[in-house]
Protein backbone atom coordinates (compact mmCIF):
# COMPACT_ATOMS: atom_id res chain seq x y z
CA UNK A 1 -9.85 19.15 7.95
CA UNK A 2 -11.15 22.49 8.71
CA UNK A 3 -13.68 24.40 6.56
CA UNK A 4 -12.24 25.42 3.31
CA UNK A 5 -15.04 28.36 2.98
CA UNK A 6 -12.72 30.30 5.25
CA UNK A 7 -10.72 31.34 2.37
CA UNK A 8 -13.42 32.98 0.83
CA UNK A 9 -13.93 35.58 3.61
CA UNK A 10 -10.58 35.61 5.24
CA UNK A 11 -7.87 36.34 2.31
CA UNK A 12 -4.58 34.33 3.41
CA UNK A 13 -1.53 35.38 3.85
CA UNK A 14 0.13 34.22 0.43
CA UNK A 15 -1.49 34.47 -2.87
CA UNK A 16 -1.04 32.89 -6.24
CA UNK A 17 0.29 36.28 -7.40
CA UNK A 18 2.94 36.19 -4.89
CA UNK A 19 4.08 32.91 -5.81
CA UNK A 20 3.96 34.22 -9.56
CA UNK A 21 6.01 36.76 -8.39
CA UNK A 22 8.49 34.73 -6.69
CA UNK A 23 8.96 32.45 -9.84
CA UNK A 24 9.91 35.59 -11.88
CA UNK A 25 12.27 36.57 -9.09
CA UNK A 26 14.02 33.41 -8.62
CA UNK A 27 14.10 32.46 -12.34
CA UNK A 28 17.34 31.41 -13.99
CA UNK A 29 19.09 31.70 -10.54
CA UNK A 30 17.61 27.99 -9.33
CA UNK A 31 17.54 24.52 -11.08
CA UNK A 32 14.00 24.15 -12.96
CA UNK A 33 14.31 20.62 -11.87
CA UNK A 34 12.02 17.89 -14.23
CA UNK A 35 8.59 16.38 -13.38
CA UNK A 36 9.00 13.10 -14.75
CA UNK A 37 6.55 10.26 -14.89
CA UNK A 38 7.45 6.69 -13.35
CA UNK A 39 6.28 4.02 -15.60
CA UNK A 40 7.09 1.46 -12.86
CA UNK A 41 5.72 3.59 -9.92
CA UNK A 42 2.37 3.78 -11.84
CA UNK A 43 2.33 0.02 -12.15
CA UNK A 44 3.17 -0.55 -8.61
CA UNK A 45 0.68 1.78 -7.31
CA UNK A 46 -2.26 1.68 -9.71
CA UNK A 47 -2.00 5.36 -10.03
CA UNK A 48 -0.40 7.84 -12.74
CA UNK A 49 2.64 8.39 -10.78
CA UNK A 50 4.88 12.10 -11.34
CA UNK A 51 8.25 12.71 -9.63
CA UNK A 52 9.28 16.41 -9.20
CA UNK A 53 13.21 16.04 -8.80
CA UNK A 54 13.70 18.69 -6.24
CA UNK A 55 17.02 16.50 -5.03
CA UNK A 56 18.63 18.01 -8.16
CA UNK A 57 19.00 21.36 -6.73
CA UNK A 58 22.52 22.53 -6.29
CA UNK A 59 22.38 22.14 -2.40
CA UNK A 60 19.98 19.13 -2.97
CA UNK A 61 16.75 20.41 -1.61
CA UNK A 62 13.86 22.55 -2.39
CA UNK A 63 14.90 24.65 0.12
CA UNK A 64 17.17 27.21 -2.01
CA UNK A 65 13.60 28.58 -3.22
CA UNK A 66 11.81 30.47 -0.34
CA UNK A 67 15.42 31.43 0.98
CA UNK A 68 16.44 32.94 -2.48
CA UNK A 69 13.15 34.72 -2.98
CA UNK A 70 13.55 36.19 0.49
CA UNK A 71 17.20 37.64 -0.44
CA UNK A 72 16.09 38.91 -3.54
CA UNK A 73 13.39 41.25 -1.50
CA UNK A 74 16.07 42.64 1.17
CA UNK A 75 16.65 46.36 0.99
CA UNK A 76 20.62 47.54 0.60
CA UNK A 77 20.78 48.18 4.45
CA UNK A 78 19.33 44.80 5.16
CA UNK A 79 21.75 43.10 2.35
CA UNK A 80 24.88 45.39 3.92
CA UNK A 81 24.28 43.84 7.58
CA UNK A 82 23.23 40.13 6.53
CA UNK A 83 21.19 37.46 7.57
CA UNK A 84 21.09 34.85 9.90
CA UNK A 85 18.86 31.62 10.52
CA UNK A 86 18.81 28.69 13.09
CA UNK A 87 19.04 25.68 10.76
CA UNK A 88 21.05 22.01 10.75
CA UNK A 89 19.72 20.95 7.76
CA UNK A 90 18.50 21.77 4.11
CA UNK A 91 17.31 25.54 5.14
CA UNK A 92 21.20 26.40 6.23
CA UNK A 93 22.81 25.30 2.94
CA UNK A 94 20.20 26.60 0.46
CA UNK A 95 20.41 30.20 2.65
CA UNK A 96 24.32 30.22 2.92
CA UNK A 97 24.84 29.28 -0.92
CA UNK A 98 22.77 32.11 -2.26
CA UNK A 99 23.43 34.70 0.24
CA UNK A 100 27.24 34.08 -0.60
CA UNK A 101 26.29 34.16 -4.32
CA UNK A 102 24.48 37.55 -3.79
CA UNK A 103 27.34 38.89 -1.88
CA UNK A 104 25.23 38.93 1.59
CA UNK A 105 26.81 37.85 4.83
CA UNK A 106 25.44 35.03 6.43
CA UNK A 107 25.18 33.47 9.68
CA UNK A 108 23.91 29.86 10.80
CA UNK A 109 23.54 28.95 14.18
CA UNK A 110 23.58 24.98 14.64
CA UNK A 111 23.42 22.90 17.67
CA UNK A 112 26.59 21.65 18.99
CA UNK A 113 25.39 18.43 18.19
CA UNK A 114 25.59 18.91 14.52
CA UNK A 115 27.25 16.35 12.45
CA UNK A 116 30.29 17.14 11.27
CA UNK A 117 29.50 17.04 7.56
CA UNK A 118 26.73 19.73 7.82
CA UNK A 119 28.65 22.04 9.41
CA UNK A 120 31.29 21.75 6.93
CA UNK A 121 28.97 21.90 3.95
CA UNK A 122 27.27 24.94 5.33
CA UNK A 123 30.72 26.45 5.69
CA UNK A 124 31.61 25.58 2.37
CA UNK A 125 28.94 27.41 1.21
CA UNK A 126 30.09 30.94 2.64
CA UNK A 127 28.01 30.77 5.95
CA UNK A 128 29.99 31.87 9.52
CA UNK A 129 28.76 29.18 11.33
CA UNK A 130 27.70 29.38 15.02
CA UNK A 131 27.69 26.27 17.48
CA UNK A 132 25.32 26.85 20.30
CA UNK A 133 23.21 24.87 22.66
CA UNK A 134 22.48 21.16 22.38
CA UNK A 135 18.92 21.65 20.85
CA UNK A 136 17.84 23.37 17.94
CA UNK A 137 15.39 25.51 20.17
CA UNK A 138 18.34 26.84 21.98
CA UNK A 139 20.33 27.28 18.32
CA UNK A 140 17.01 29.12 17.62
CA UNK A 141 16.68 31.65 20.54
CA UNK A 142 20.59 32.16 20.29
CA UNK A 143 19.94 33.26 16.46
CA UNK A 144 17.07 35.44 17.77
CA UNK A 145 19.10 37.29 20.32
CA UNK A 146 22.34 37.57 17.53
CA UNK A 147 19.75 39.04 15.04
CA UNK A 148 18.70 41.86 17.79
CA UNK A 149 22.45 42.26 18.77
CA UNK A 150 23.83 42.88 15.61
CA UNK A 151 20.81 44.19 13.20
CA UNK A 152 20.71 40.91 11.06
CA UNK A 153 17.61 40.04 9.03
CA UNK A 154 16.27 36.32 10.26
CA UNK A 155 15.13 34.24 7.35
CA UNK A 156 12.82 31.93 9.00
CA UNK A 157 12.76 28.30 7.20
CA UNK A 158 9.20 28.04 7.03
CA UNK A 159 6.74 30.61 8.74
CA UNK A 160 7.37 33.48 6.26
CA UNK A 161 5.63 34.39 3.59
CA UNK A 162 8.22 35.11 1.04
CA UNK A 163 9.69 31.90 2.01
CA UNK A 164 6.35 30.12 1.50
CA UNK A 165 5.72 32.14 -1.81
CA UNK A 166 9.26 30.61 -3.07
CA UNK A 167 8.11 27.15 -2.10
CA UNK A 168 4.99 26.87 -3.77
CA UNK A 169 7.43 27.87 -7.04
CA UNK A 170 7.65 23.76 -6.73
CA UNK A 171 4.07 23.38 -7.54
CA UNK A 172 3.73 25.87 -10.38
CA UNK A 173 6.37 24.12 -12.05
CA UNK A 174 4.32 20.95 -11.78
CA UNK A 175 1.60 21.99 -13.12
CA UNK A 176 3.06 23.83 -16.01
CA UNK A 177 4.87 20.69 -16.93
CA UNK A 178 1.90 18.17 -16.09
CA UNK A 179 -1.25 20.08 -16.12
CA UNK A 180 -3.22 17.02 -15.70
CA UNK A 181 -2.16 16.62 -12.57
CA UNK A 182 -5.14 15.87 -9.73
CA UNK A 183 -3.58 15.20 -6.60
CA UNK A 184 -0.36 16.65 -4.89
CA UNK A 185 1.24 14.89 -2.17
CA UNK A 186 3.37 16.68 -0.13
CA UNK A 187 5.79 16.23 2.89
CA UNK A 188 5.16 18.48 5.80
CA UNK A 189 7.52 19.60 8.31
CA UNK A 190 7.08 23.30 9.06
CA UNK A 191 4.39 23.86 6.46
CA UNK A 192 6.13 26.10 3.99
CA UNK A 193 6.36 23.50 0.96
CA UNK A 194 2.94 22.54 1.24
CA UNK A 195 1.30 26.14 1.94
CA UNK A 196 3.01 27.10 -0.98
CA UNK A 197 2.07 24.12 -3.16
CA UNK A 198 -1.67 24.19 -1.84
CA UNK A 199 -1.96 28.19 -2.94
CA UNK A 200 -1.04 26.92 -6.49
CA UNK A 201 -3.19 23.95 -6.45
CA UNK A 202 -6.25 25.77 -5.09
CA UNK A 203 -6.08 28.51 -7.26
CA UNK A 204 -7.90 29.90 -10.50
CA UNK A 205 -10.11 27.39 -10.29
CA UNK A 206 -8.17 24.33 -9.74
CA UNK A 207 -9.72 21.29 -8.21
CA UNK A 208 -6.49 19.45 -7.13
CA UNK A 209 -6.50 17.60 -3.91
CA UNK A 210 -3.61 18.15 -2.03
CA UNK A 211 -2.36 15.53 0.69
CA UNK A 212 0.26 16.11 3.59
CA UNK A 213 2.86 13.52 4.69
CA UNK A 214 4.29 13.64 8.09
CA UNK A 215 6.10 10.76 9.64
CA UNK A 216 4.48 8.98 12.46
CA UNK A 217 7.11 9.95 15.01
CA UNK A 218 6.66 13.74 14.34
CA UNK A 219 2.95 14.84 13.61
CA UNK A 220 2.95 18.26 14.59
CA UNK A 221 0.91 20.04 11.88
CA UNK A 222 -1.53 16.68 11.95
CA UNK A 223 -1.90 17.51 15.92
CA UNK A 224 -2.35 21.22 15.31
CA UNK A 225 -5.12 20.70 12.61
CA UNK A 226 -6.87 17.68 14.24
CA UNK A 227 -6.32 18.98 17.87
CA UNK A 228 -4.85 16.10 18.41
CA UNK A 229 -1.97 15.56 21.44
CA UNK A 230 0.41 12.82 19.91
CA UNK A 231 4.45 12.42 21.24
CA UNK A 232 6.72 14.56 18.57
CA UNK A 233 10.11 13.06 19.59
CA UNK A 234 12.22 10.04 18.61
CA UNK A 235 15.14 9.19 15.96
CA UNK A 236 13.23 9.52 12.25
CA UNK A 237 14.82 8.58 9.01
CA UNK A 238 12.69 12.22 8.28
CA UNK A 239 14.66 14.47 10.15
CA UNK A 240 14.32 17.31 7.11
CA UNK A 241 10.51 17.13 8.25
CA UNK A 242 10.89 16.55 12.14
CA UNK A 243 9.43 19.97 13.46
CA UNK A 244 7.73 19.87 16.87
CA UNK A 245 5.89 23.52 16.37
CA UNK A 246 4.43 23.83 12.94
CA UNK A 247 4.13 27.93 11.81
CA UNK A 248 1.32 30.05 12.88
CA UNK A 249 1.40 31.44 9.42
CA UNK A 250 1.51 28.02 7.86
CA UNK A 251 -0.97 26.39 10.22
CA UNK A 252 -3.74 28.36 8.98
CA UNK A 253 -3.04 28.00 5.45
CA UNK A 254 -2.64 24.20 6.26
CA UNK A 255 -6.23 24.16 7.99
CA UNK A 256 -7.56 26.00 5.12
CA UNK A 257 -6.09 24.41 1.98
CA UNK A 258 -5.22 21.13 2.66
CA UNK A 259 -7.54 18.22 2.05
CA UNK A 260 -5.75 15.49 4.73
CA UNK A 261 -2.48 14.69 6.31
CA UNK A 262 -1.26 11.17 6.51
CA UNK A 263 1.02 9.64 8.68
CA UNK A 264 3.79 7.07 7.61
CA UNK A 265 5.59 4.46 9.44
CA UNK A 266 9.75 4.63 10.02
CA UNK A 267 9.87 1.32 7.97
CA UNK A 268 8.11 2.52 5.22
CA UNK A 269 10.19 5.16 4.83
CA UNK A 270 13.30 3.22 4.83
CA UNK A 271 11.65 1.25 2.41
CA UNK A 272 10.95 3.87 -0.11
CA UNK A 273 14.46 5.51 0.35
CA UNK A 274 15.79 2.04 -1.03
CA UNK A 275 13.10 1.58 -3.56
CA UNK A 276 13.61 5.17 -5.23
CA UNK A 277 17.49 4.17 -5.50
CA UNK A 278 16.35 0.70 -7.26
CA UNK A 279 13.68 1.91 -9.53
CA UNK A 280 14.51 5.49 -10.46
CA UNK A 281 18.39 5.49 -9.89
CA UNK A 282 17.74 8.35 -7.38
CA UNK A 283 18.88 9.16 -3.91
CA UNK A 284 16.51 10.78 -1.55
CA UNK A 285 16.47 11.64 1.92
CA UNK A 286 13.76 10.23 4.32
CA UNK A 287 12.19 13.28 3.61
CA UNK A 288 12.22 13.00 -0.07
CA UNK A 289 10.58 9.58 0.41
CA UNK A 290 7.73 10.59 2.44
CA UNK A 291 5.28 11.35 -0.22
CA UNK A 292 5.99 8.18 -2.15
CA UNK A 293 5.67 6.34 1.22
CA UNK A 294 2.25 7.58 1.86
CA UNK A 295 0.99 6.44 -1.59
CA UNK A 296 2.49 2.91 -1.37
CA UNK A 297 0.97 2.85 2.52
CA UNK A 298 -2.73 3.55 0.88
CA UNK A 299 -2.40 2.45 -2.72
CA UNK A 300 -6.28 2.42 -3.01
CA UNK A 301 -6.60 5.95 -2.04
CA UNK A 302 -4.70 7.08 -5.27
CA UNK A 303 -5.75 4.09 -7.63
CA UNK A 304 -6.36 5.75 -10.98
CA UNK A 305 -5.43 9.47 -10.03
CA UNK A 306 -2.77 11.44 -11.73
CA UNK A 307 -0.66 12.01 -8.97
CA UNK A 308 2.44 14.58 -8.46
CA UNK A 309 5.19 13.76 -5.76
CA UNK A 310 7.82 16.10 -4.34
CA UNK A 311 11.08 14.35 -3.99
CA UNK A 312 11.87 17.34 -1.71
CA UNK A 313 15.68 16.78 -1.06
CA UNK A 314 18.56 14.21 -1.15
CA UNK A 315 20.83 15.19 1.72
CA UNK A 316 21.26 11.80 3.08
CA UNK A 317 24.46 10.68 5.02
CA UNK A 318 26.08 7.96 3.42
CA UNK A 319 26.38 5.45 6.03
CA UNK A 320 22.85 5.99 6.85
CA UNK A 321 22.04 5.62 3.09
CA UNK A 322 23.99 2.54 3.56
CA UNK A 323 22.56 0.99 6.65
CA UNK A 324 19.38 1.94 4.77
CA UNK A 325 19.91 -0.31 1.89
CA UNK A 326 21.50 -3.31 3.83
CA UNK A 327 18.13 -3.18 6.10
CA UNK A 328 15.98 -3.35 2.98
CA UNK A 329 18.15 -6.08 1.55
CA UNK A 330 17.56 -8.14 4.99
CA UNK A 331 13.67 -7.88 4.72
CA UNK A 332 13.41 -9.15 1.23
CA UNK A 333 15.11 -12.07 2.05
CA UNK A 334 18.04 -11.31 -0.04
CA UNK A 335 20.50 -10.69 2.89
CA UNK A 336 19.95 -13.07 5.89
CA UNK A 337 21.69 -14.03 8.95
CA UNK A 338 21.16 -17.61 10.12
CA UNK A 339 21.40 -18.96 13.70
CA UNK A 340 22.88 -22.47 14.16
CA UNK A 341 23.80 -25.23 16.94
CA UNK A 342 26.57 -27.21 15.77
CA UNK A 343 28.68 -29.48 17.82
CA UNK A 344 32.26 -28.14 18.40
CA UNK A 345 34.10 -31.17 16.46
CA UNK A 346 36.15 -30.89 13.21
CA UNK A 347 34.18 -30.89 10.25
CA UNK A 348 31.37 -29.26 11.49
CA UNK A 349 31.33 -26.11 9.47
CA UNK A 350 32.29 -27.71 6.45
CA UNK A 351 29.20 -29.85 6.62
CA UNK A 352 27.44 -26.82 7.15
CA UNK A 353 28.78 -24.78 4.30
CA UNK A 354 28.43 -27.81 1.75
CA UNK A 355 24.49 -27.38 1.80
CA UNK A 356 24.95 -23.71 1.46
CA UNK A 357 27.00 -24.34 -1.67
CA UNK A 358 24.47 -27.25 -2.88
CA UNK A 359 21.66 -24.44 -2.59
CA UNK A 360 23.41 -21.66 -4.47
CA UNK A 361 24.04 -19.53 -1.18
CA UNK A 362 26.78 -17.48 -0.72
CA UNK A 363 28.25 -17.03 2.63
CA UNK A 364 29.53 -13.42 3.62
CA UNK A 365 30.43 -13.74 7.24
CA UNK A 366 30.76 -16.39 9.80
CA UNK A 367 30.34 -15.83 13.64
CA UNK A 368 31.07 -18.58 16.15
CA UNK A 369 30.11 -18.71 19.95
CA UNK A 370 31.16 -20.85 22.11
CA UNK A 371 31.70 -19.16 25.89
CA UNK A 372 28.66 -17.02 25.92
CA UNK A 373 26.11 -19.70 25.40
CA UNK A 374 23.69 -21.60 27.26
CA UNK A 375 24.66 -25.02 25.35
CA UNK A 376 27.09 -27.59 26.96
CA UNK A 377 30.33 -27.20 26.45
CA UNK A 378 30.47 -29.24 23.32
CA UNK A 379 28.33 -27.32 21.77
CA UNK A 380 28.42 -23.85 19.78
CA UNK A 381 26.03 -21.32 17.97
CA UNK A 382 27.27 -20.38 15.04
CA UNK A 383 25.59 -17.08 12.79
CA UNK A 384 26.36 -17.15 9.15
CA UNK A 385 25.41 -14.14 7.20
CA UNK A 386 24.84 -15.30 3.53
CA UNK A 387 23.15 -13.91 0.23
CA UNK A 388 20.33 -15.22 -1.37
CA UNK A 389 18.21 -14.51 -4.46
CA UNK A 390 15.03 -13.84 -2.89
CA UNK A 391 12.69 -14.76 0.05
CA UNK A 392 11.92 -18.23 -1.76
CA UNK A 393 15.65 -18.81 -2.25
CA UNK A 394 16.32 -18.12 1.34
CA UNK A 395 13.24 -20.59 2.77
CA UNK A 396 14.71 -23.31 0.38
CA UNK A 397 18.15 -23.03 2.15
CA UNK A 398 16.31 -22.99 5.85
CA UNK A 399 14.73 -26.26 4.82
CA UNK A 400 17.58 -27.77 3.59
CA UNK A 401 19.20 -27.11 6.78
CA UNK A 402 16.79 -28.60 8.84
CA UNK A 403 16.29 -31.66 6.83
CA UNK A 404 19.92 -32.42 7.48
CA UNK A 405 18.94 -32.04 11.04
CA UNK A 406 20.35 -28.58 11.88
CA UNK A 407 18.48 -26.40 14.29
CA UNK A 408 18.44 -23.14 12.68
CA UNK A 409 16.65 -20.18 12.74
CA UNK A 410 16.64 -16.44 11.53
CA UNK A 411 17.84 -13.17 12.92
CA UNK A 412 15.19 -11.08 12.37
CA UNK A 413 15.25 -7.03 12.11
CA UNK A 414 13.23 -5.40 14.89
């Protein structure tokens, strides 16, 4: 990373006093979410792991903090005219909710292809939703046009000192609750959360290490800091941090204050969304799982440390969550699809199912394929979806089928 000495000669745009002021300003108007130790995750990683449950905010994400801190600093004229933002995610809901609560009109510009559930949720918080364009960039450009035409105040999701200071209150609370933390692991999208958190972590003589985390598909801040040119594109589970261009203010702060940035894979993000639900009984979105994904991806790096991880949001589509959980079951061997070659004659399926019964395996679905196959006319392909206890149980079933002279293969996930 770039030299940290820069902060000694060039004051950064957000200070610890700004974060303290934000904390006093928003106190009592957001949820002071808990920071709790995870004994199971600590055992898994060899670190002492504390989780900050920002998914317990009213709108299920930390974004409320920066939005509220900005709204509370508007003068009466700006409040009367209203605020505007371009967002299809947590910033939209956080801004809409607190603007309505404070009696401030809010307009949110979203791309036309925004999922209906996000539109209705934002409207439910009292915002006027404007659908424009097919991309976020188009929606953003239109929001700036409306800002100028209607005299509205634009509230940026991350590249604003008031927003950054508000987001920094997350780390302030963590260190108040667990002063012995020596490492913070923070998701990075545009950089607002990590900029505010690092401001706190590096203040008052503290020596906390600050590690940022980005999805491999969207390494925008990593590119900016390391002067690389990796592509930023693709369907990531962590859409909350899928930012193609980080902020100018935040990039400067990250370069000065953040110790390193780690990239995590889509598979790792999926695994951690599922793991957090199983272990902590808490629902997080892909971005919310990013910090823990980094910890499990590089356990030796964090072994022996006292690590604070921010579960930054919990807004995940229920159907997507179901897919993630089922894919995790498949990867662990608890859910499998086996492909068998059978003869097309009476009793063939009965004899196969008897082996499943003997092995104590539950059959969920059976799919026959007689026509679209390269087998002879009297042959067929049968896919059987089944549920097992674990990978060893599945292996025993496959062994039993092969001993009975069946051709069997497992249909693997990509």
